[in-house]
């Protein structure tokens, strides 16, 4: 008996590169470079906040959190508190 070739998935690179919508296929979207720039800015700002949180500087953390959109602040606070707790410290925000 020979090996049976699986036909479950079919890769069609020529269609994906056209970036068109074709029924039955999921194509890679175009890059949005403005979103990438925003992500990098927020990433760097979060790293700065994290450094202050690990040092226990609550006032500095609260002032830097104001740079983020209001919708993200509560989640960031929870992330920082848990991150600091993994190092055996507490952070009051």
PDB file of N, CA and C in Angstrom:
ATOM      1  N   UNK A   1       0.837  -1.187   0.000  1.00  0.00           N
ATOM      2  CA  UNK A   1       0.000   0.000   0.000  1.00  0.00           C
ATOM      3  C   UNK A   1       0.879   1.248   0.000  1.00  0.00           C
ATOM      4  N   UNK A   2       0.539   2.179  -0.834  1.00  0.00           N
ATOM      5  CA  UNK A   2       1.269   3.439  -0.878  1.00  0.00           C
ATOM      6  C   UNK A   2       0.655   4.439   0.090  1.00  0.00           C
ATOM      7  N   UNK A   3       1.365   5.528   0.331  1.00  0.00           N
ATOM      8  CA  UNK A   3       0.847   6.573   1.212  1.00  0.00           C
ATOM      9  C   UNK A   3      -0.260   7.341   0.507  1.00  0.00           C
ATOM     10  N   UNK A   4      -1.306   7.626   1.243  1.00  0.00           N
ATOM     11  CA  UNK A   4      -2.424   8.372   0.683  1.00  0.00           C
ATOM     12  C   UNK A   4      -2.177   9.859   0.925  1.00  0.00           C
ATOM     13  N   UNK A   5      -2.256  10.643  -0.115  1.00  0.00           N
ATOM     14  CA  UNK A   5      -2.015  12.087  -0.010  1.00  0.00           C
ATOM     15  C   UNK A   5      -3.244  12.773   0.587  1.00  0.00           C
ATOM     16  N   UNK A   6      -3.019  13.580   1.607  1.00  0.00           N
ATOM     17  CA  UNK A   6      -4.107  14.308   2.250  1.00  0.00           C
ATOM     18  C   UNK A   6      -4.522  15.487   1.375  1.00  0.00           C
ATOM     19  N   UNK A   7      -5.813  15.638   1.163  1.00  0.00           N
ATOM     20  CA  UNK A   7      -6.331  16.719   0.341  1.00  0.00           C
ATOM     21  C   UNK A   7      -7.168  17.679   1.203  1.00  0.00           C
ATOM     22  N   UNK A   8      -6.952  17.625   2.495  1.00  0.00           N
ATOM     23  CA  UNK A   8      -7.767  18.432   3.403  1.00  0.00           C
ATOM     24  C   UNK A   8      -7.512  19.925   3.212  1.00  0.00           C
ATOM     25  N   UNK A   9      -6.255  20.317   3.045  1.00  0.00           N
ATOM     26  CA  UNK A   9      -5.898  21.727   2.906  1.00  0.00           C
ATOM     27  C   UNK A   9      -5.271  21.960   1.546  1.00  0.00           C
ATOM     28  N   UNK A  10      -5.631  23.052   0.956  1.00  0.00           N
ATOM     29  CA  UNK A  10      -5.050  23.411  -0.326  1.00  0.00           C
ATOM     30  C   UNK A  10      -4.487  24.824  -0.195  1.00  0.00           C
ATOM     31  N   UNK A  11      -3.197  24.968  -0.424  1.00  0.00           N
ATOM     32  CA  UNK A  11      -2.551  26.271  -0.337  1.00  0.00           C
ATOM     33  C   UNK A  11      -2.531  26.900  -1.718  1.00  0.00           C
ATOM     34  N   UNK A  12      -3.009  28.123  -1.792  1.00  0.00           N
ATOM     35  CA  UNK A  12      -3.039  28.814  -3.075  1.00  0.00           C
ATOM     36  C   UNK A  12      -2.366  30.158  -2.894  1.00  0.00           C
ATOM     37  N   UNK A  13      -1.042  30.180  -2.957  1.00  0.00           N
ATOM     38  CA  UNK A  13      -0.261  31.386  -2.711  1.00  0.00           C
ATOM     39  C   UNK A  13      -0.551  32.475  -3.734  1.00  0.00           C
ATOM     40  N   UNK A  14      -0.795  32.097  -4.972  1.00  0.00           N
ATOM     41  CA  UNK A  14      -1.026  33.097  -5.999  1.00  0.00           C
ATOM     42  C   UNK A  14      -2.272  33.928  -5.708  1.00  0.00           C
ATOM     43  N   UNK A  15      -3.273  33.337  -5.071  1.00  0.00           N
ATOM     44  CA  UNK A  15      -4.487  34.073  -4.738  1.00  0.00           C
ATOM     45  C   UNK A  15      -4.247  34.939  -3.504  1.00  0.00           C
ATOM     46  N   UNK A  16      -3.533  34.427  -2.519  1.00  0.00           N
ATOM     47  CA  UNK A  16      -3.273  35.191  -1.294  1.00  0.00           C
ATOM     48  C   UNK A  16      -2.489  36.454  -1.606  1.00  0.00           C
ATOM     49  N   UNK A  17      -1.609  36.395  -2.580  1.00  0.00           N
ATOM     50  CA  UNK A  17      -0.801  37.570  -2.896  1.00  0.00           C
ATOM     51  C   UNK A  17      -1.632  38.650  -3.588  1.00  0.00           C
ATOM     52  N   UNK A  18      -2.768  38.287  -4.177  1.00  0.00           N
ATOM     53  CA  UNK A  18      -3.618  39.277  -4.834  1.00  0.00           C
ATOM     54  C   UNK A  18      -4.423  40.092  -3.829  1.00  0.00           C
ATOM     55  N   UNK A  19      -4.570  39.573  -2.622  1.00  0.00           N
ATOM     56  CA  UNK A  19      -5.296  40.244  -1.544  1.00  0.00           C
ATOM     57  C   UNK A  19      -6.743  40.567  -1.918  1.00  0.00           C
ATOM     58  N   UNK A  20      -7.375  39.693  -2.652  1.00  0.00           N
ATOM     59  CA  UNK A  20      -8.792  39.829  -3.001  1.00  0.00           C
ATOM     60  C   UNK A  20      -9.617  38.928  -2.112  1.00  0.00           C
ATOM     61  N   UNK A  21     -10.898  39.216  -2.030  1.00  0.00           N
ATOM     62  CA  UNK A  21     -11.789  38.354  -1.264  1.00  0.00           C
ATOM     63  C   UNK A  21     -12.342  37.293  -2.192  1.00  0.00           C
ATOM     64  N   UNK A  22     -12.103  36.059  -1.851  1.00  0.00           N
ATOM     65  CA  UNK A  22     -12.587  34.939  -2.638  1.00  0.00           C
ATOM     66  C   UNK A  22     -13.346  34.026  -1.692  1.00  0.00           C
ATOM     67  N   UNK A  23     -14.549  33.660  -2.087  1.00  0.00           N
ATOM     68  CA  UNK A  23     -15.386  32.812  -1.238  1.00  0.00           C
ATOM     69  C   UNK A  23     -14.669  31.513  -0.913  1.00  0.00           C
ATOM     70  N   UNK A  24     -14.662  31.147   0.376  1.00  0.00           N
ATOM     71  CA  UNK A  24     -14.065  29.889   0.786  1.00  0.00           C
ATOM     72  C   UNK A  24     -12.601  29.989   1.170  1.00  0.00           C
ATOM     73  N   UNK A  25     -11.992  31.165   1.066  1.00  0.00           N
ATOM     74  CA  UNK A  25     -10.576  31.321   1.400  1.00  0.00           C
ATOM     75  C   UNK A  25     -10.391  32.497   2.357  1.00  0.00           C
ATOM     76  N   UNK A  26      -9.473  32.362   3.288  1.00  0.00           N
ATOM     77  CA  UNK A  26      -9.103  33.450   4.176  1.00  0.00           C
ATOM     78  C   UNK A  26      -7.769  33.992   3.691  1.00  0.00           C
ATOM     79  N   UNK A  27      -7.735  35.249   3.377  1.00  0.00           N
ATOM     80  CA  UNK A  27      -6.522  35.840   2.841  1.00  0.00           C
ATOM     81  C   UNK A  27      -5.883  36.772   3.860  1.00  0.00           C
ATOM     82  N   UNK A  28      -4.614  36.977   3.739  1.00  0.00           N
ATOM     83  CA  UNK A  28      -3.859  37.838   4.646  1.00  0.00           C
ATOM     84  C   UNK A  28      -4.193  39.294   4.330  1.00  0.00           C
ATOM     85  N   UNK A  29      -4.598  40.088   5.336  1.00  0.00           N
ATOM     86  CA  UNK A  29      -4.927  41.490   5.061  1.00  0.00           C
ATOM     87  C   UNK A  29      -3.669  42.328   4.835  1.00  0.00           C
ATOM     88  N   UNK A  30      -3.856  43.483   4.241  1.00  0.00           N
ATOM     89  CA  UNK A  30      -2.737  44.403   4.026  1.00  0.00           C
ATOM     90  C   UNK A  30      -2.258  44.931   5.375  1.00  0.00           C
ATOM     91  N   UNK A  31      -0.988  45.296   5.450  1.00  0.00           N
ATOM     92  CA  UNK A  31      -0.429  45.845   6.686  1.00  0.00           C
ATOM     93  C   UNK A  31      -0.965  47.238   6.943  1.00  0.00           C
ATOM     94  N   UNK A  32      -1.265  47.521   8.193  1.00  0.00           N
ATOM     95  CA  UNK A  32      -1.680  48.844   8.609  1.00  0.00           C
ATOM     96  C   UNK A  32      -0.534  49.407   9.443  1.00  0.00           C
ATOM     97  N   UNK A  33       0.310  50.206   8.815  1.00  0.00           N
ATOM     98  CA  UNK A  33       1.516  50.679   9.491  1.00  0.00           C
ATOM     99  C   UNK A  33       1.219  51.685  10.602  1.00  0.00           C
ATOM    100  N   UNK A  34       0.100  52.384  10.536  1.00  0.00           N
ATOM    101  CA  UNK A  34      -0.237  53.317  11.611  1.00  0.00           C
ATOM    102  C   UNK A  34      -0.553  52.546  12.893  1.00  0.00           C
ATOM    103  N   UNK A  35      -1.209  51.406  12.777  1.00  0.00           N
ATOM    104  CA  UNK A  35      -1.504  50.594  13.955  1.00  0.00           C
ATOM    105  C   UNK A  35      -0.223  50.031  14.546  1.00  0.00           C
ATOM    106  N   UNK A  36       0.736  49.692  13.691  1.00  0.00           N
ATOM    107  CA  UNK A  36       2.019  49.170  14.172  1.00  0.00           C
ATOM    108  C   UNK A  36       2.765  50.240  14.958  1.00  0.00           C
ATOM    109  N   UNK A  37       2.757  51.469  14.472  1.00  0.00           N
ATOM    110  CA  UNK A  37       3.434  52.562  15.174  1.00  0.00           C
ATOM    111  C   UNK A  37       2.788  52.822  16.530  1.00  0.00           C
ATOM    112  N   UNK A  38       1.456  52.800  16.575  1.00  0.00           N
ATOM    113  CA  UNK A  38       0.752  53.005  17.840  1.00  0.00           C
ATOM    114  C   UNK A  38       1.089  51.884  18.815  1.00  0.00           C
ATOM    115  N   UNK A  39       1.124  50.656  18.325  1.00  0.00           N
ATOM    116  CA  UNK A  39       1.443  49.520  19.182  1.00  0.00           C
ATOM    117  C   UNK A  39       2.839  49.658  19.778  1.00  0.00           C
ATOM    118  N   UNK A  40       3.800  50.063  18.982  1.00  0.00           N
ATOM    119  CA  UNK A  40       5.174  50.200  19.475  1.00  0.00           C
ATOM    120  C   UNK A  40       5.270  51.307  20.512  1.00  0.00           C
ATOM    121  N   UNK A  41       4.563  52.407  20.301  1.00  0.00           N
ATOM    122  CA  UNK A  41       4.573  53.496  21.286  1.00  0.00           C
ATOM    123  C   UNK A  41       3.977  53.029  22.613  1.00  0.00           C
ATOM    124  N   UNK A  42       2.865  52.317  22.545  1.00  0.00           N
ATOM    125  CA  UNK A  42       2.241  51.822  23.764  1.00  0.00           C
ATOM    126  C   UNK A  42       3.105  50.765  24.439  1.00  0.00           C
ATOM    127  N   UNK A  43       3.788  49.963  23.651  1.00  0.00           N
ATOM    128  CA  UNK A  43       4.664  48.933  24.204  1.00  0.00           C
ATOM    129  C   UNK A  43       5.811  49.561  24.992  1.00  0.00           C
ATOM    130  N   UNK A  44       6.426  50.577  24.418  1.00  0.00           N
ATOM    131  CA  UNK A  44       7.524  51.259  25.104  1.00  0.00           C
ATOM    132  C   UNK A  44       7.034  51.969  26.366  1.00  0.00           C
ATOM    133  N   UNK A  45       5.856  52.593  26.284  1.00  0.00           N
ATOM    134  CA  UNK A  45       5.296  53.264  27.460  1.00  0.00           C
ATOM    135  C   UNK A  45       4.968  52.251  28.556  1.00  0.00           C
ATOM    136  N   UNK A  46       4.465  51.085  28.170  1.00  0.00           N
ATOM    137  CA  UNK A  46       4.148  50.062  29.165  1.00  0.00           C
ATOM    138  C   UNK A  46       5.414  49.535  29.830  1.00  0.00           C
ATOM    139  N   UNK A  47       6.495  49.391  29.077  1.00  0.00           N
ATOM    140  CA  UNK A  47       7.757  48.945  29.673  1.00  0.00           C
ATOM    141  C   UNK A  47       8.251  49.940  30.706  1.00  0.00           C
ATOM    142  N   UNK A  48       8.101  51.226  30.416  1.00  0.00           N
ATOM    143  CA  UNK A  48       8.509  52.258  31.378  1.00  0.00           C
ATOM    144  C   UNK A  48       7.667  52.174  32.649  1.00  0.00           C
ATOM    145  N   UNK A  49       6.365  51.996  32.485  1.00  0.00           N
ATOM    146  CA  UNK A  49       5.475  51.866  33.650  1.00  0.00           C
ATOM    147  C   UNK A  49       5.850  50.632  34.460  1.00  0.00           C
ATOM    148  N   UNK A  50       6.158  49.551  33.764  1.00  0.00           N
ATOM    149  CA  UNK A  50       6.503  48.304  34.449  1.00  0.00           C
ATOM    150  C   UNK A  50       7.769  48.472  35.293  1.00  0.00           C
ATOM    151  N   UNK A  51       8.745  49.199  34.783  1.00  0.00           N
ATOM    152  CA  UNK A  51       9.972  49.438  35.560  1.00  0.00           C
ATOM    153  C   UNK A  51       9.657  50.200  36.844  1.00  0.00           C
ATOM    154  N   UNK A  52       8.811  51.230  36.738  1.00  0.00           N
ATOM    155  CA  UNK A  52       8.440  52.004  37.928  1.00  0.00           C
ATOM    156  C   UNK A  52       7.617  51.151  38.892  1.00  0.00           C
ATOM    157  N   UNK A  53       6.766  50.284  38.357  1.00  0.00           N
ATOM    158  CA  UNK A  53       5.944  49.425  39.216  1.00  0.00           C
ATOM    159  C   UNK A  53       6.823  48.456  39.997  1.00  0.00           C
ATOM    160  N   UNK A  54       7.825  47.898  39.353  1.00  0.00           N
ATOM    161  CA  UNK A  54       8.707  46.951  40.044  1.00  0.00           C
ATOM    162  C   UNK A  54       9.539  47.639  41.124  1.00  0.00           C
ATOM    163  N   UNK A  55       9.778  48.938  40.961  1.00  0.00           N
ATOM    164  CA  UNK A  55      10.503  49.705  41.982  1.00  0.00           C
ATOM    165  C   UNK A  55       9.568  50.151  43.107  1.00  0.00           C
ATOM    166  N   UNK A  56       8.237  49.971  42.907  1.00  0.00           N
ATOM    167  CA  UNK A  56       7.268  50.361  43.929  1.00  0.00           C
ATOM    168  C   UNK A  56       6.883  51.822  43.882  1.00  0.00           C
ATOM    169  N   UNK A  57       7.082  52.496  42.773  1.00  0.00           N
ATOM    170  CA  UNK A  57       6.780  53.923  42.625  1.00  0.00           C
ATOM    171  C   UNK A  57       5.349  54.112  42.124  1.00  0.00           C
ATOM    172  N   UNK A  58       4.390  54.029  43.038  1.00  0.00           N
ATOM    173  CA  UNK A  58       2.968  54.069  42.695  1.00  0.00           C
ATOM    174  C   UNK A  58       2.551  55.396  42.072  1.00  0.00           C
ATOM    175  N   UNK A  59       3.064  56.499  42.584  1.00  0.00           N
ATOM    176  CA  UNK A  59       2.675  57.814  42.063  1.00  0.00           C
ATOM    177  C   UNK A  59       3.109  57.973  40.608  1.00  0.00           C
ATOM    178  N   UNK A  60       4.313  57.538  40.305  1.00  0.00           N
ATOM    179  CA  UNK A  60       4.823  57.623  38.936  1.00  0.00           C
ATOM    180  C   UNK A  60       4.017  56.715  38.003  1.00  0.00           C
ATOM    181  N   UNK A  61       3.650  55.530  38.476  1.00  0.00           N
ATOM    182  CA  UNK A  61       2.850  54.593  37.680  1.00  0.00           C
ATOM    183  C   UNK A  61       1.494  55.216  37.360  1.00  0.00           C
ATOM    184  N   UNK A  62       0.849  55.819  38.362  1.00  0.00           N
ATOM    185  CA  UNK A  62      -0.462  56.444  38.135  1.00  0.00           C
ATOM    186  C   UNK A  62      -0.377  57.585  37.131  1.00  0.00           C
ATOM    187  N   UNK A  63       0.678  58.383  37.196  1.00  0.00           N
ATOM    188  CA  UNK A  63       0.791  59.489  36.243  1.00  0.00           C
ATOM    189  C   UNK A  63       1.072  58.983  34.829  1.00  0.00           C
ATOM    190  N   UNK A  64       1.855  57.914  34.692  1.00  0.00           N
ATOM    191  CA  UNK A  64       2.128  57.363  33.365  1.00  0.00           C
ATOM    192  C   UNK A  64       0.915  56.634  32.788  1.00  0.00           C
ATOM    193  N   UNK A  65       0.065  56.087  33.646  1.00  0.00           N
ATOM    194  CA  UNK A  65      -1.145  55.415  33.163  1.00  0.00           C
ATOM    195  C   UNK A  65      -2.092  56.396  32.472  1.00  0.00           C
ATOM    196  N   UNK A  66      -2.008  57.671  32.826  1.00  0.00           N
ATOM    197  CA  UNK A  66      -2.872  58.677  32.205  1.00  0.00           C
ATOM    198  C   UNK A  66      -2.552  58.880  30.723  1.00  0.00           C
ATOM    199  N   UNK A  67      -1.398  58.412  30.281  1.00  0.00           N
ATOM    200  CA  UNK A  67      -1.031  58.527  28.860  1.00  0.00           C
ATOM    201  C   UNK A  67      -1.785  57.518  28.001  1.00  0.00           C
ATOM    202  N   UNK A  68      -2.348  56.483  28.632  1.00  0.00           N
ATOM    203  CA  UNK A  68      -3.078  55.455  27.893  1.00  0.00           C
ATOM    204  C   UNK A  68      -4.554  55.828  27.795  1.00  0.00           C
ATOM    205  N   UNK A  69      -5.256  55.299  26.795  1.00  0.00           N
ATOM    206  CA  UNK A  69      -6.705  55.536  26.709  1.00  0.00           C
ATOM    207  C   UNK A  69      -7.405  54.993  27.948  1.00  0.00           C
ATOM    208  N   UNK A  70      -8.473  55.638  28.321  1.00  0.00           N
ATOM    209  CA  UNK A  70      -9.191  55.267  29.548  1.00  0.00           C
ATOM    210  C   UNK A  70      -9.676  53.818  29.517  1.00  0.00           C
ATOM    211  N   UNK A  71      -9.992  53.335  28.331  1.00  0.00           N
ATOM    212  CA  UNK A  71     -10.509  51.964  28.211  1.00  0.00           C
ATOM    213  C   UNK A  71      -9.458  50.909  28.546  1.00  0.00           C
ATOM    214  N   UNK A  72      -8.175  51.262  28.490  1.00  0.00           N
ATOM    215  CA  UNK A  72      -7.103  50.298  28.744  1.00  0.00           C
ATOM    216  C   UNK A  72      -6.539  50.395  30.160  1.00  0.00           C
ATOM    217  N   UNK A  73      -6.821  51.459  30.853  1.00  0.00           N
ATOM    218  CA  UNK A  73      -6.167  51.712  32.150  1.00  0.00           C
ATOM    219  C   UNK A  73      -6.445  50.639  33.198  1.00  0.00           C
ATOM    220  N   UNK A  74      -7.687  50.228  33.332  1.00  0.00           N
ATOM    221  CA  UNK A  74      -8.032  49.244  34.370  1.00  0.00           C
ATOM    222  C   UNK A  74      -7.333  47.906  34.100  1.00  0.00           C
ATOM    223  N   UNK A  75      -7.313  47.496  32.837  1.00  0.00           N
ATOM    224  CA  UNK A  75      -6.625  46.250  32.480  1.00  0.00           C
ATOM    225  C   UNK A  75      -5.131  46.363  32.752  1.00  0.00           C
ATOM    226  N   UNK A  76      -4.543  47.513  32.425  1.00  0.00           N
ATOM    227  CA  UNK A  76      -3.109  47.708  32.672  1.00  0.00           C
ATOM    228  C   UNK A  76      -2.797  47.681  34.165  1.00  0.00           C
ATOM    229  N   UNK A  77      -3.682  48.260  34.976  1.00  0.00           N
ATOM    230  CA  UNK A  77      -3.477  48.220  36.428  1.00  0.00           C
ATOM    231  C   UNK A  77      -3.442  46.782  36.923  1.00  0.00           C
ATOM    232  N   UNK A  78      -4.392  45.980  36.455  1.00  0.00           N
ATOM    233  CA  UNK A  78      -4.435  44.568  36.870  1.00  0.00           C
ATOM    234  C   UNK A  78      -3.189  43.821  36.419  1.00  0.00           C
ATOM    235  N   UNK A  79      -2.736  44.079  35.215  1.00  0.00           N
ATOM    236  CA  UNK A  79      -1.521  43.428  34.708  1.00  0.00           C
ATOM    237  C   UNK A  79      -0.324  43.809  35.556  1.00  0.00           C
ATOM    238  N   UNK A  80      -0.199  45.096  35.879  1.00  0.00           N
ATOM    239  CA  UNK A  80       0.940  45.563  36.675  1.00  0.00           C
ATOM    240  C   UNK A  80       0.920  44.966  38.078  1.00  0.00           C
ATOM    241  N   UNK A  81      -0.251  44.919  38.694  1.00  0.00           N
ATOM    242  CA  UNK A  81      -0.352  44.367  40.051  1.00  0.00           C
ATOM    243  C   UNK A  81       0.059  42.901  40.049  1.00  0.00           C
ATOM    244  N   UNK A  82      -0.414  42.136  39.070  1.00  0.00           N
ATOM    245  CA  UNK A  82      -0.047  40.710  38.988  1.00  0.00           C
ATOM    246  C   UNK A  82       1.426  40.533  38.656  1.00  0.00           C
ATOM    247  N   UNK A  83       1.956  41.404  37.800  1.00  0.00           N
ATOM    248  CA  UNK A  83       3.364  41.308  37.424  1.00  0.00           C
ATOM    249  C   UNK A  83       4.276  41.547  38.625  1.00  0.00           C
ATOM    250  N   UNK A  84       3.933  42.549  39.419  1.00  0.00           N
ATOM    251  CA  UNK A  84       4.711  42.863  40.614  1.00  0.00           C
ATOM    252  C   UNK A  84       4.584  41.745  41.651  1.00  0.00           C
ATOM    253  N   UNK A  85       3.389  41.161  41.727  1.00  0.00           N
ATOM    254  CA  UNK A  85       3.146  40.096  42.702  1.00  0.00           C
ATOM    255  C   UNK A  85       4.000  38.861  42.394  1.00  0.00           C
ATOM    256  N   UNK A  86       4.302  38.619  41.117  1.00  0.00           N
ATOM    257  CA  UNK A  86       5.144  37.474  40.776  1.00  0.00           C
ATOM    258  C   UNK A  86       6.580  37.652  41.292  1.00  0.00           C
ATOM    259  N   UNK A  87       6.952  38.892  41.607  1.00  0.00           N
ATOM    260  CA  UNK A  87       8.272  39.178  42.168  1.00  0.00           C
ATOM    261  C   UNK A  87       8.232  39.297  43.693  1.00  0.00           C
ATOM    262  N   UNK A  88       7.072  38.940  44.282  1.00  0.00           N
ATOM    263  CA  UNK A  88       6.946  38.948  45.739  1.00  0.00           C
ATOM    264  C   UNK A  88       6.749  40.330  46.324  1.00  0.00           C
ATOM    265  N   UNK A  89       6.287  41.281  45.532  1.00  0.00           N
ATOM    266  CA  UNK A  89       6.067  42.632  46.003  1.00  0.00           C
ATOM    267  C   UNK A  89       4.590  42.995  45.850  1.00  0.00           C
ATOM    268  N   UNK A  90       4.197  44.118  46.439  1.00  0.00           N
ATOM    269  CA  UNK A  90       2.831  44.601  46.280  1.00  0.00           C
ATOM    270  C   UNK A  90       2.864  46.006  45.715  1.00  0.00           C
ATOM    271  N   UNK A  91       1.837  46.328  44.942  1.00  0.00           N
ATOM    272  CA  UNK A  91       1.722  47.655  44.328  1.00  0.00           C
ATOM    273  C   UNK A  91       0.340  48.192  44.632  1.00  0.00           C
ATOM    274  N   UNK A  92       0.280  49.352  45.250  1.00  0.00           N
ATOM    275  CA  UNK A  92      -0.985  50.003  45.590  1.00  0.00           C
ATOM    276  C   UNK A  92      -1.307  51.038  44.532  1.00  0.00           C
ATOM    277  N   UNK A  93      -2.389  50.804  43.786  1.00  0.00           N
ATOM    278  CA  UNK A  93      -2.808  51.775  42.757  1.00  0.00           C
ATOM    279  C   UNK A  93      -4.198  52.277  43.049  1.00  0.00           C
TER     280      UNK A  93
END
